[in-house]
Amino acid sequence: MPTARHPRHQVAIKFALLLALLVGYFGYLWWRFDAATGAVTAGLTWAFFVLCTPIADAGFLLDFPLRVLFGIRMVVSELAVWALAFAITGSTYALAPHYFDTTVLTRLFHQILSTPWPYWGITVLSAAGTFLSVRIGDELMDVLHHRDRTFFHSHAFKRELLMIASFVVIAVAYYRLIAALGLETIL
């Protein structure tokens, strides 16, 4: 009879696999270009997924493991993720913009960054969707850990439904904006 692994152990394994994926991507970029270009391109790719997708996908490398292992709220760690993504993006944009020419994704990222209207709407919708999804995740983690046993019998459940509905509206608006800008074929 197989033994069930402790959830913290499972999270550590999943985190290691996601980290291995990022390291593997960096290795591929290093092989294709050089170490510096590979590192910056990997950082820009990660920053793209943080700043230009409406869910906490790139932040998932940190948010969920930090929540499960150390109890750090995902909203707090996501703020740090966004600050790091802005730092990587801003410093590269200001000091070495040629790194944006390395891949299709980084060229698209440069196009979004250099065209405030209407492309910055992608980042605004992404921020709204990301922080809303992380807030929902934090509250669901609280419920799963029995911190709010009356959740489904309280007004908090109605607030969660409203937040989920808002997230759906943000996601639909995001994908409509992507389609209106003609970016869906690239993504």
N, C-alpha and C. Protein backbone atom coordinates (compact mmCIF):
# COMPACT_ATOMS: atom_id res chain seq x y z
N MET A 1 0.84 -1.17 0.00
CA MET A 1 0.00 0.00 0.00
C MET A 1 0.89 1.25 0.00
N PRO A 2 0.72 2.14 -1.02
CA PRO A 2 1.58 3.32 -1.09
C PRO A 2 1.24 4.30 0.03
N THR A 3 2.26 4.95 0.53
CA THR A 3 2.04 5.94 1.58
C THR A 3 1.83 7.30 0.94
N ALA A 4 0.95 8.07 1.54
CA ALA A 4 0.69 9.42 1.05
C ALA A 4 1.81 10.34 1.52
N ARG A 5 2.27 11.18 0.63
CA ARG A 5 3.33 12.12 0.97
C ARG A 5 2.71 13.33 1.66
N HIS A 6 3.49 13.93 2.53
CA HIS A 6 3.07 15.14 3.22
C HIS A 6 2.93 16.27 2.19
N PRO A 7 1.92 17.12 2.31
CA PRO A 7 1.73 18.20 1.33
C PRO A 7 2.95 19.10 1.16
N ARG A 8 3.67 19.35 2.23
CA ARG A 8 4.87 20.19 2.11
C ARG A 8 5.92 19.52 1.24
N HIS A 9 6.02 18.22 1.33
CA HIS A 9 6.96 17.47 0.50
C HIS A 9 6.54 17.56 -0.97
N GLN A 10 5.23 17.43 -1.23
CA GLN A 10 4.72 17.52 -2.60
C GLN A 10 4.98 18.91 -3.17
N VAL A 11 4.78 19.95 -2.36
CA VAL A 11 5.03 21.32 -2.82
C VAL A 11 6.50 21.50 -3.15
N ALA A 12 7.36 20.96 -2.31
CA ALA A 12 8.80 21.08 -2.56
C ALA A 12 9.18 20.38 -3.86
N ILE A 13 8.59 19.24 -4.15
CA ILE A 13 8.87 18.53 -5.40
C ILE A 13 8.38 19.34 -6.59
N LYS A 14 7.16 19.87 -6.51
CA LYS A 14 6.61 20.67 -7.61
C LYS A 14 7.44 21.93 -7.83
N PHE A 15 7.86 22.58 -6.74
CA PHE A 15 8.71 23.76 -6.86
C PHE A 15 10.02 23.41 -7.54
N ALA A 16 10.61 22.29 -7.14
CA ALA A 16 11.88 21.86 -7.75
C ALA A 16 11.70 21.59 -9.24
N LEU A 17 10.57 20.99 -9.62
CA LEU A 17 10.33 20.72 -11.05
C LEU A 17 10.15 22.02 -11.84
N LEU A 18 9.41 22.98 -11.28
CA LEU A 18 9.25 24.27 -11.95
C LEU A 18 10.57 25.02 -12.04
N LEU A 19 11.35 24.95 -10.99
CA LEU A 19 12.67 25.59 -11.01
C LEU A 19 13.57 24.91 -12.03
N ALA A 20 13.49 23.59 -12.14
CA ALA A 20 14.28 22.85 -13.14
C ALA A 20 13.88 23.27 -14.56
N LEU A 21 12.59 23.52 -14.76
CA LEU A 21 12.12 24.00 -16.07
C LEU A 21 12.75 25.35 -16.39
N LEU A 22 12.76 26.26 -15.43
CA LEU A 22 13.36 27.58 -15.64
C LEU A 22 14.86 27.46 -15.89
N VAL A 23 15.53 26.63 -15.13
CA VAL A 23 16.97 26.43 -15.32
C VAL A 23 17.24 25.78 -16.68
N GLY A 24 16.40 24.83 -17.08
CA GLY A 24 16.54 24.20 -18.39
C GLY A 24 16.36 25.21 -19.52
N TYR A 25 15.39 26.11 -19.36
CA TYR A 25 15.17 27.16 -20.37
C TYR A 25 16.39 28.07 -20.45
N PHE A 26 16.92 28.45 -19.28
CA PHE A 26 18.13 29.25 -19.26
C PHE A 26 19.28 28.52 -19.94
N GLY A 27 19.41 27.21 -19.66
CA GLY A 27 20.47 26.41 -20.29
C GLY A 27 20.34 26.42 -21.81
N TYR A 28 19.11 26.27 -22.30
CA TYR A 28 18.88 26.31 -23.74
C TYR A 28 19.28 27.67 -24.30
N LEU A 29 18.89 28.75 -23.63
CA LEU A 29 19.23 30.09 -24.11
C LEU A 29 20.74 30.33 -24.04
N TRP A 30 21.39 29.81 -23.02
CA TRP A 30 22.84 29.93 -22.90
C TRP A 30 23.51 29.22 -24.07
N TRP A 31 23.03 28.03 -24.38
CA TRP A 31 23.58 27.27 -25.50
C TRP A 31 23.33 28.01 -26.82
N ARG A 32 22.14 28.58 -26.97
CA ARG A 32 21.77 29.25 -28.23
C ARG A 32 22.49 30.59 -28.38
N PHE A 33 22.64 31.34 -27.31
CA PHE A 33 23.28 32.66 -27.38
C PHE A 33 24.61 32.62 -26.60
N ASP A 34 24.59 33.13 -25.40
CA ASP A 34 25.71 33.07 -24.45
C ASP A 34 25.12 33.18 -23.06
N ALA A 35 25.96 33.11 -22.03
CA ALA A 35 25.44 33.09 -20.65
C ALA A 35 24.70 34.37 -20.29
N ALA A 36 25.27 35.51 -20.62
CA ALA A 36 24.63 36.78 -20.27
C ALA A 36 23.31 36.95 -21.01
N THR A 37 23.31 36.70 -22.30
CA THR A 37 22.09 36.83 -23.08
C THR A 37 21.05 35.81 -22.61
N GLY A 38 21.49 34.61 -22.31
CA GLY A 38 20.57 33.59 -21.81
C GLY A 38 19.93 33.99 -20.50
N ALA A 39 20.73 34.54 -19.58
CA ALA A 39 20.21 34.95 -18.28
C ALA A 39 19.22 36.10 -18.42
N VAL A 40 19.58 37.11 -19.21
CA VAL A 40 18.68 38.26 -19.38
C VAL A 40 17.41 37.85 -20.11
N THR A 41 17.52 37.03 -21.13
CA THR A 41 16.35 36.58 -21.88
C THR A 41 15.44 35.72 -21.00
N ALA A 42 16.01 34.85 -20.20
CA ALA A 42 15.20 34.05 -19.27
C ALA A 42 14.49 34.97 -18.27
N GLY A 43 15.20 35.97 -17.77
CA GLY A 43 14.59 36.94 -16.86
C GLY A 43 13.47 37.72 -17.51
N LEU A 44 13.69 38.16 -18.76
CA LEU A 44 12.65 38.89 -19.49
C LEU A 44 11.44 38.01 -19.79
N THR A 45 11.69 36.75 -20.11
CA THR A 45 10.59 35.83 -20.38
C THR A 45 9.75 35.65 -19.12
N TRP A 46 10.42 35.46 -17.99
CA TRP A 46 9.72 35.33 -16.72
C TRP A 46 8.94 36.61 -16.41
N ALA A 47 9.58 37.77 -16.62
CA ALA A 47 8.92 39.06 -16.37
C ALA A 47 7.71 39.24 -17.29
N PHE A 48 7.81 38.77 -18.54
CA PHE A 48 6.66 38.84 -19.44
C PHE A 48 5.48 38.09 -18.86
N PHE A 49 5.71 36.88 -18.39
CA PHE A 49 4.61 36.09 -17.85
C PHE A 49 4.06 36.70 -16.56
N VAL A 50 4.89 37.40 -15.81
CA VAL A 50 4.39 38.10 -14.62
C VAL A 50 3.53 39.29 -15.03
N LEU A 51 4.06 40.13 -15.91
CA LEU A 51 3.43 41.42 -16.21
C LEU A 51 2.37 41.36 -17.29
N CYS A 52 2.34 40.32 -18.08
CA CYS A 52 1.45 40.32 -19.25
C CYS A 52 0.49 39.14 -19.31
N THR A 53 0.28 38.45 -18.21
CA THR A 53 -0.75 37.40 -18.16
C THR A 53 -1.60 37.63 -16.91
N PRO A 54 -2.91 37.43 -17.01
CA PRO A 54 -3.80 37.82 -15.91
C PRO A 54 -3.94 36.80 -14.78
N ILE A 55 -3.00 35.90 -14.65
CA ILE A 55 -3.00 34.97 -13.52
C ILE A 55 -1.58 34.91 -12.97
N ALA A 56 -1.43 34.42 -11.77
CA ALA A 56 -0.12 34.40 -11.12
C ALA A 56 0.67 33.17 -11.56
N ASP A 57 0.90 33.05 -12.86
CA ASP A 57 1.60 31.86 -13.35
C ASP A 57 3.10 31.91 -13.08
N ALA A 58 3.76 32.98 -13.45
CA ALA A 58 5.19 33.07 -13.20
C ALA A 58 5.47 33.26 -11.72
N GLY A 59 4.60 33.96 -11.04
CA GLY A 59 4.74 34.12 -9.60
C GLY A 59 4.50 32.84 -8.84
N PHE A 60 3.86 31.86 -9.50
CA PHE A 60 3.59 30.58 -8.85
C PHE A 60 4.87 29.90 -8.40
N LEU A 61 5.98 30.21 -9.07
CA LEU A 61 7.26 29.66 -8.63
C LEU A 61 7.56 30.03 -7.18
N LEU A 62 7.05 31.17 -6.73
CA LEU A 62 7.31 31.62 -5.38
C LEU A 62 6.08 31.64 -4.48
N ASP A 63 4.96 32.12 -5.00
CA ASP A 63 3.78 32.37 -4.16
C ASP A 63 3.30 31.14 -3.41
N PHE A 64 2.98 30.11 -4.13
CA PHE A 64 2.38 28.93 -3.51
C PHE A 64 3.35 28.21 -2.57
N PRO A 65 4.60 27.97 -3.00
CA PRO A 65 5.52 27.32 -2.06
C PRO A 65 5.75 28.14 -0.79
N LEU A 66 5.89 29.46 -0.92
CA LEU A 66 6.09 30.29 0.27
C LEU A 66 4.87 30.25 1.19
N ARG A 67 3.68 30.16 0.59
CA ARG A 67 2.46 30.09 1.41
C ARG A 67 2.40 28.76 2.16
N VAL A 68 2.65 27.68 1.45
CA VAL A 68 2.52 26.36 2.07
C VAL A 68 3.66 26.10 3.06
N LEU A 69 4.87 26.46 2.69
CA LEU A 69 6.02 26.13 3.53
C LEU A 69 6.18 27.09 4.72
N PHE A 70 5.92 28.39 4.49
CA PHE A 70 6.22 29.37 5.54
C PHE A 70 5.03 30.21 5.97
N GLY A 71 3.88 30.02 5.32
CA GLY A 71 2.69 30.77 5.71
C GLY A 71 2.65 32.21 5.22
N ILE A 72 3.55 32.57 4.32
CA ILE A 72 3.56 33.94 3.78
C ILE A 72 2.40 34.08 2.81
N ARG A 73 1.57 35.07 3.02
CA ARG A 73 0.41 35.27 2.18
C ARG A 73 0.86 35.48 0.73
N MET A 74 0.11 34.88 -0.20
CA MET A 74 0.49 34.94 -1.61
C MET A 74 0.42 36.36 -2.15
N VAL A 75 -0.45 37.19 -1.61
CA VAL A 75 -0.54 38.58 -2.06
C VAL A 75 0.78 39.30 -1.76
N VAL A 76 1.36 39.04 -0.61
CA VAL A 76 2.62 39.68 -0.22
C VAL A 76 3.76 39.22 -1.13
N SER A 77 3.86 37.91 -1.34
CA SER A 77 4.94 37.43 -2.20
C SER A 77 4.73 37.88 -3.65
N GLU A 78 3.48 38.00 -4.09
CA GLU A 78 3.22 38.45 -5.46
C GLU A 78 3.63 39.91 -5.64
N LEU A 79 3.49 40.73 -4.60
CA LEU A 79 3.99 42.11 -4.67
C LEU A 79 5.49 42.12 -4.90
N ALA A 80 6.21 41.23 -4.21
CA ALA A 80 7.66 41.13 -4.41
C ALA A 80 7.98 40.63 -5.82
N VAL A 81 7.19 39.69 -6.32
CA VAL A 81 7.37 39.17 -7.68
C VAL A 81 7.21 40.29 -8.70
N TRP A 82 6.15 41.10 -8.55
CA TRP A 82 5.91 42.19 -9.48
C TRP A 82 7.02 43.24 -9.38
N ALA A 83 7.50 43.54 -8.18
CA ALA A 83 8.59 44.49 -8.03
C ALA A 83 9.85 43.98 -8.74
N LEU A 84 10.15 42.70 -8.58
CA LEU A 84 11.31 42.11 -9.26
C LEU A 84 11.13 42.13 -10.78
N ALA A 85 9.93 41.80 -11.25
CA ALA A 85 9.67 41.82 -12.70
C ALA A 85 9.82 43.23 -13.26
N PHE A 86 9.32 44.24 -12.54
CA PHE A 86 9.48 45.62 -12.99
C PHE A 86 10.96 46.02 -12.98
N ALA A 87 11.71 45.57 -11.98
CA ALA A 87 13.14 45.91 -11.91
C ALA A 87 13.90 45.29 -13.07
N ILE A 88 13.65 44.02 -13.35
CA ILE A 88 14.32 43.35 -14.48
C ILE A 88 13.96 44.03 -15.79
N THR A 89 12.67 44.27 -15.98
CA THR A 89 12.19 44.87 -17.23
C THR A 89 12.70 46.30 -17.39
N GLY A 90 12.55 47.10 -16.35
CA GLY A 90 12.96 48.51 -16.43
C GLY A 90 14.45 48.68 -16.65
N SER A 91 15.25 47.90 -15.93
CA SER A 91 16.70 48.03 -16.09
C SER A 91 17.15 47.55 -17.47
N THR A 92 16.55 46.49 -17.96
CA THR A 92 16.91 46.01 -19.30
C THR A 92 16.46 47.01 -20.36
N TYR A 93 15.26 47.53 -20.22
CA TYR A 93 14.71 48.50 -21.18
C TYR A 93 15.59 49.76 -21.23
N ALA A 94 16.05 50.21 -20.05
CA ALA A 94 16.84 51.44 -19.99
C ALA A 94 18.31 51.23 -20.36
N LEU A 95 18.89 50.10 -19.94
CA LEU A 95 20.34 49.93 -20.08
C LEU A 95 20.77 49.03 -21.24
N ALA A 96 19.93 48.07 -21.61
CA ALA A 96 20.34 47.12 -22.64
C ALA A 96 19.13 46.64 -23.45
N PRO A 97 18.47 47.55 -24.15
CA PRO A 97 17.24 47.17 -24.85
C PRO A 97 17.45 46.15 -25.98
N HIS A 98 18.68 45.95 -26.41
CA HIS A 98 18.94 44.97 -27.48
C HIS A 98 18.58 43.55 -27.05
N TYR A 99 18.52 43.29 -25.75
CA TYR A 99 18.14 41.95 -25.28
C TYR A 99 16.69 41.60 -25.62
N PHE A 100 15.88 42.61 -25.88
CA PHE A 100 14.49 42.35 -26.26
C PHE A 100 14.38 41.77 -27.67
N ASP A 101 15.46 41.78 -28.43
CA ASP A 101 15.43 41.26 -29.80
C ASP A 101 15.78 39.77 -29.90
N THR A 102 15.89 39.07 -28.78
CA THR A 102 16.38 37.70 -28.81
C THR A 102 15.34 36.65 -29.20
N THR A 103 14.11 36.78 -28.75
CA THR A 103 13.07 35.78 -29.04
C THR A 103 11.79 36.49 -29.48
N VAL A 104 10.87 35.72 -30.02
CA VAL A 104 9.57 36.27 -30.43
C VAL A 104 8.85 36.86 -29.22
N LEU A 105 8.92 36.16 -28.10
CA LEU A 105 8.23 36.62 -26.89
C LEU A 105 8.83 37.91 -26.35
N THR A 106 10.15 38.03 -26.36
CA THR A 106 10.76 39.26 -25.85
C THR A 106 10.53 40.43 -26.82
N ARG A 107 10.45 40.15 -28.12
CA ARG A 107 10.11 41.22 -29.07
C ARG A 107 8.68 41.70 -28.85
N LEU A 108 7.76 40.78 -28.60
CA LEU A 108 6.38 41.14 -28.28
C LEU A 108 6.34 41.95 -26.99
N PHE A 109 7.10 41.52 -26.00
CA PHE A 109 7.17 42.23 -24.73
C PHE A 109 7.65 43.66 -24.94
N HIS A 110 8.66 43.84 -25.77
CA HIS A 110 9.17 45.19 -26.08
C HIS A 110 8.09 46.02 -26.76
N GLN A 111 7.34 45.41 -27.66
CA GLN A 111 6.25 46.12 -28.34
C GLN A 111 5.21 46.58 -27.32
N ILE A 112 4.86 45.73 -26.39
CA ILE A 112 3.89 46.10 -25.35
C ILE A 112 4.43 47.24 -24.50
N LEU A 113 5.69 47.15 -24.11
CA LEU A 113 6.29 48.17 -23.25
C LEU A 113 6.44 49.52 -23.95
N SER A 114 6.75 49.50 -25.22
CA SER A 114 7.04 50.74 -25.94
C SER A 114 5.81 51.40 -26.55
N THR A 115 4.63 50.78 -26.41
CA THR A 115 3.40 51.34 -26.96
C THR A 115 2.36 51.46 -25.85
N PRO A 116 2.40 52.61 -25.14
CA PRO A 116 1.49 52.75 -23.99
C PRO A 116 0.02 52.55 -24.34
N TRP A 117 -0.43 53.16 -25.41
CA TRP A 117 -1.84 52.98 -25.79
C TRP A 117 -1.90 52.14 -27.03
N PRO A 118 -2.54 51.07 -27.04
CA PRO A 118 -3.42 50.46 -26.03
C PRO A 118 -2.76 49.30 -25.29
N TYR A 119 -1.46 49.04 -25.56
CA TYR A 119 -0.84 47.82 -25.05
C TYR A 119 -0.67 47.79 -23.53
N TRP A 120 -0.51 48.93 -22.89
CA TRP A 120 -0.36 48.90 -21.44
C TRP A 120 -1.64 48.41 -20.76
N GLY A 121 -2.74 48.41 -21.50
CA GLY A 121 -3.98 47.82 -20.97
C GLY A 121 -3.79 46.34 -20.66
N ILE A 122 -2.91 45.68 -21.41
CA ILE A 122 -2.61 44.26 -21.14
C ILE A 122 -2.03 44.12 -19.74
N THR A 123 -1.09 45.01 -19.39
CA THR A 123 -0.46 44.94 -18.07
C THR A 123 -1.44 45.33 -16.97
N VAL A 124 -2.28 46.31 -17.22
CA VAL A 124 -3.28 46.72 -16.22
C VAL A 124 -4.25 45.57 -15.94
N LEU A 125 -4.78 44.95 -17.01
CA LEU A 125 -5.68 43.81 -16.82
C LEU A 125 -4.95 42.63 -16.19
N SER A 126 -3.69 42.45 -16.55
CA SER A 126 -2.90 41.37 -15.96
C SER A 126 -2.70 41.58 -14.46
N ALA A 127 -2.42 42.81 -14.07
CA ALA A 127 -2.26 43.11 -12.63
C ALA A 127 -3.57 42.85 -11.89
N ALA A 128 -4.66 43.34 -12.44
CA ALA A 128 -5.96 43.13 -11.78
C ALA A 128 -6.28 41.64 -11.66
N GLY A 129 -6.10 40.90 -12.73
CA GLY A 129 -6.39 39.47 -12.70
C GLY A 129 -5.46 38.70 -11.79
N THR A 130 -4.18 39.04 -11.82
CA THR A 130 -3.20 38.34 -10.99
C THR A 130 -3.50 38.54 -9.51
N PHE A 131 -3.67 39.78 -9.10
CA PHE A 131 -3.86 40.03 -7.67
C PHE A 131 -5.23 39.54 -7.19
N LEU A 132 -6.21 39.56 -8.06
CA LEU A 132 -7.50 39.00 -7.70
C LEU A 132 -7.41 37.48 -7.56
N SER A 133 -6.71 36.82 -8.49
CA SER A 133 -6.57 35.36 -8.40
C SER A 133 -5.76 34.96 -7.18
N VAL A 134 -4.74 35.74 -6.83
CA VAL A 134 -3.93 35.44 -5.66
C VAL A 134 -4.74 35.67 -4.39
N ARG A 135 -5.54 36.70 -4.38
CA ARG A 135 -6.42 36.96 -3.22
C ARG A 135 -7.40 35.80 -3.03
N ILE A 136 -7.98 35.35 -4.12
CA ILE A 136 -8.89 34.19 -4.05
C ILE A 136 -8.13 32.97 -3.54
N GLY A 137 -6.92 32.76 -4.05
CA GLY A 137 -6.11 31.63 -3.61
C GLY A 137 -5.78 31.70 -2.12
N ASP A 138 -5.42 32.90 -1.64
CA ASP A 138 -5.15 33.06 -0.21
C ASP A 138 -6.37 32.71 0.63
N GLU A 139 -7.52 33.21 0.22
CA GLU A 139 -8.73 32.94 1.00
C GLU A 139 -9.12 31.47 0.94
N LEU A 140 -8.94 30.84 -0.20
CA LEU A 140 -9.24 29.41 -0.28
C LEU A 140 -8.26 28.59 0.57
N MET A 141 -7.00 29.01 0.60
CA MET A 141 -6.03 28.33 1.47
C MET A 141 -6.45 28.47 2.93
N ASP A 142 -6.95 29.64 3.31
CA ASP A 142 -7.44 29.83 4.68
C ASP A 142 -8.58 28.86 4.98
N VAL A 143 -9.51 28.72 4.05
CA VAL A 143 -10.64 27.82 4.23
C VAL A 143 -10.15 26.38 4.33
N LEU A 144 -9.23 25.99 3.43
CA LEU A 144 -8.73 24.63 3.45
C LEU A 144 -7.99 24.29 4.74
N HIS A 145 -7.42 25.30 5.34
CA HIS A 145 -6.70 25.08 6.60
C HIS A 145 -7.60 25.33 7.80
N HIS A 146 -8.89 25.37 7.55
CA HIS A 146 -9.91 25.48 8.60
C HIS A 146 -9.76 26.73 9.45
N ARG A 147 -9.26 27.78 8.83
CA ARG A 147 -9.17 29.03 9.58
C ARG A 147 -10.50 29.76 9.55
N ASP A 148 -11.36 29.38 8.63
CA ASP A 148 -12.66 30.04 8.51
C ASP A 148 -13.70 28.95 8.28
N ARG A 149 -14.06 28.26 9.34
CA ARG A 149 -14.95 27.11 9.24
C ARG A 149 -16.37 27.48 8.80
N THR A 150 -16.76 28.72 9.00
CA THR A 150 -18.11 29.13 8.62
C THR A 150 -18.13 29.83 7.27
N PHE A 151 -17.11 29.63 6.48
CA PHE A 151 -16.95 30.32 5.20
C PHE A 151 -18.17 30.20 4.30
N PHE A 152 -18.64 28.98 4.10
CA PHE A 152 -19.74 28.76 3.17
C PHE A 152 -21.08 29.22 3.73
N HIS A 153 -21.13 29.54 5.02
CA HIS A 153 -22.36 30.01 5.64
C HIS A 153 -22.29 31.49 5.96
N SER A 154 -21.27 32.14 5.47
CA SER A 154 -21.09 33.56 5.79
C SER A 154 -21.17 34.41 4.52
N HIS A 155 -21.04 35.71 4.74
CA HIS A 155 -21.05 36.63 3.61
C HIS A 155 -19.73 36.58 2.84
N ALA A 156 -18.71 35.98 3.45
CA ALA A 156 -17.42 35.86 2.77
C ALA A 156 -17.55 35.02 1.51
N PHE A 157 -18.41 34.01 1.55
CA PHE A 157 -18.61 33.16 0.38
C PHE A 157 -19.20 33.98 -0.77
N LYS A 158 -20.12 34.86 -0.45
CA LYS A 158 -20.71 35.72 -1.49
C LYS A 158 -19.65 36.66 -2.05
N ARG A 159 -18.78 37.16 -1.18
CA ARG A 159 -17.70 38.03 -1.64
C ARG A 159 -16.75 37.26 -2.55
N GLU A 160 -16.47 35.99 -2.22
CA GLU A 160 -15.63 35.16 -3.07
C GLU A 160 -16.26 34.95 -4.44
N LEU A 161 -17.55 34.70 -4.46
CA LEU A 161 -18.24 34.54 -5.74
C LEU A 161 -18.14 35.81 -6.57
N LEU A 162 -18.27 36.96 -5.92
CA LEU A 162 -18.13 38.23 -6.62
C LEU A 162 -16.71 38.41 -7.14
N MET A 163 -15.71 38.01 -6.36
CA MET A 163 -14.32 38.12 -6.81
C MET A 163 -14.07 37.18 -7.98
N ILE A 164 -14.61 35.98 -7.93
CA ILE A 164 -14.45 35.03 -9.04
C ILE A 164 -15.11 35.57 -10.30
N ALA A 165 -16.31 36.14 -10.15
CA ALA A 165 -17.00 36.73 -11.31
C ALA A 165 -16.18 37.89 -11.87
N SER A 166 -15.59 38.70 -11.00
CA SER A 166 -14.74 39.81 -11.45
C SER A 166 -13.53 39.29 -12.19
N PHE A 167 -12.94 38.20 -11.70
CA PHE A 167 -11.79 37.61 -12.37
C PHE A 167 -12.17 37.13 -13.77
N VAL A 168 -13.34 36.52 -13.90
CA VAL A 168 -13.81 36.06 -15.21
C VAL A 168 -13.97 37.24 -16.16
N VAL A 169 -14.55 38.34 -15.67
CA VAL A 169 -14.71 39.54 -16.49
C VAL A 169 -13.34 40.07 -16.94
N ILE A 170 -12.38 40.11 -16.01
CA ILE A 170 -11.03 40.57 -16.35
C ILE A 170 -10.40 39.65 -17.40
N ALA A 171 -10.54 38.35 -17.23
CA ALA A 171 -9.95 37.40 -18.19
C ALA A 171 -10.57 37.56 -19.57
N VAL A 172 -11.88 37.73 -19.64
CA VAL A 172 -12.55 37.92 -20.93
C VAL A 172 -12.08 39.23 -21.57
N ALA A 173 -12.00 40.31 -20.78
CA ALA A 173 -11.53 41.59 -21.30
C ALA A 173 -10.08 41.48 -21.79
N TYR A 174 -9.26 40.75 -21.06
CA TYR A 174 -7.86 40.54 -21.45
C TYR A 174 -7.79 39.85 -22.81
N TYR A 175 -8.49 38.75 -22.95
CA TYR A 175 -8.42 38.00 -24.21
C TYR A 175 -9.05 38.76 -25.37
N ARG A 176 -10.05 39.57 -25.09
CA ARG A 176 -10.62 40.42 -26.16
C ARG A 176 -9.63 41.50 -26.58
N LEU A 177 -8.92 42.06 -25.62
CA LEU A 177 -7.89 43.06 -25.95
C LEU A 177 -6.78 42.42 -26.78
N ILE A 178 -6.34 41.23 -26.37
CA ILE A 178 -5.30 40.52 -27.13
C ILE A 178 -5.78 40.28 -28.56
N ALA A 179 -7.03 39.85 -28.72
CA ALA A 179 -7.57 39.59 -30.06
C ALA A 179 -7.70 40.88 -30.85
N ALA A 180 -8.17 41.95 -30.22
CA ALA A 180 -8.35 43.22 -30.92
C ALA A 180 -7.02 43.79 -31.40
N LEU A 181 -5.96 43.51 -30.66
CA LEU A 181 -4.64 44.00 -31.04
C LEU A 181 -3.93 43.07 -32.02
N GLY A 182 -4.53 41.92 -32.30
CA GLY A 182 -3.94 40.98 -33.23
C GLY A 182 -2.80 40.17 -32.64
N LEU A 183 -2.74 40.08 -31.33
CA LEU A 183 -1.64 39.39 -30.68
C LEU A 183 -1.93 37.92 -30.42
N GLU A 184 -3.16 37.47 -30.62
CA GLU A 184 -3.50 36.07 -30.28
C GLU A 184 -2.74 35.08 -31.13
N THR A 185 -2.34 35.46 -32.33
CA THR A 185 -1.58 34.53 -33.17
C THR A 185 -0.16 34.37 -32.66
N ILE A 186 0.36 35.38 -32.00
CA ILE A 186 1.71 35.33 -31.45
C ILE A 186 1.69 34.51 -30.15
N LEU A 187 0.69 34.78 -29.33
CA LEU A 187 0.61 34.09 -28.04
C LEU A 187 0.01 32.74 -28.27
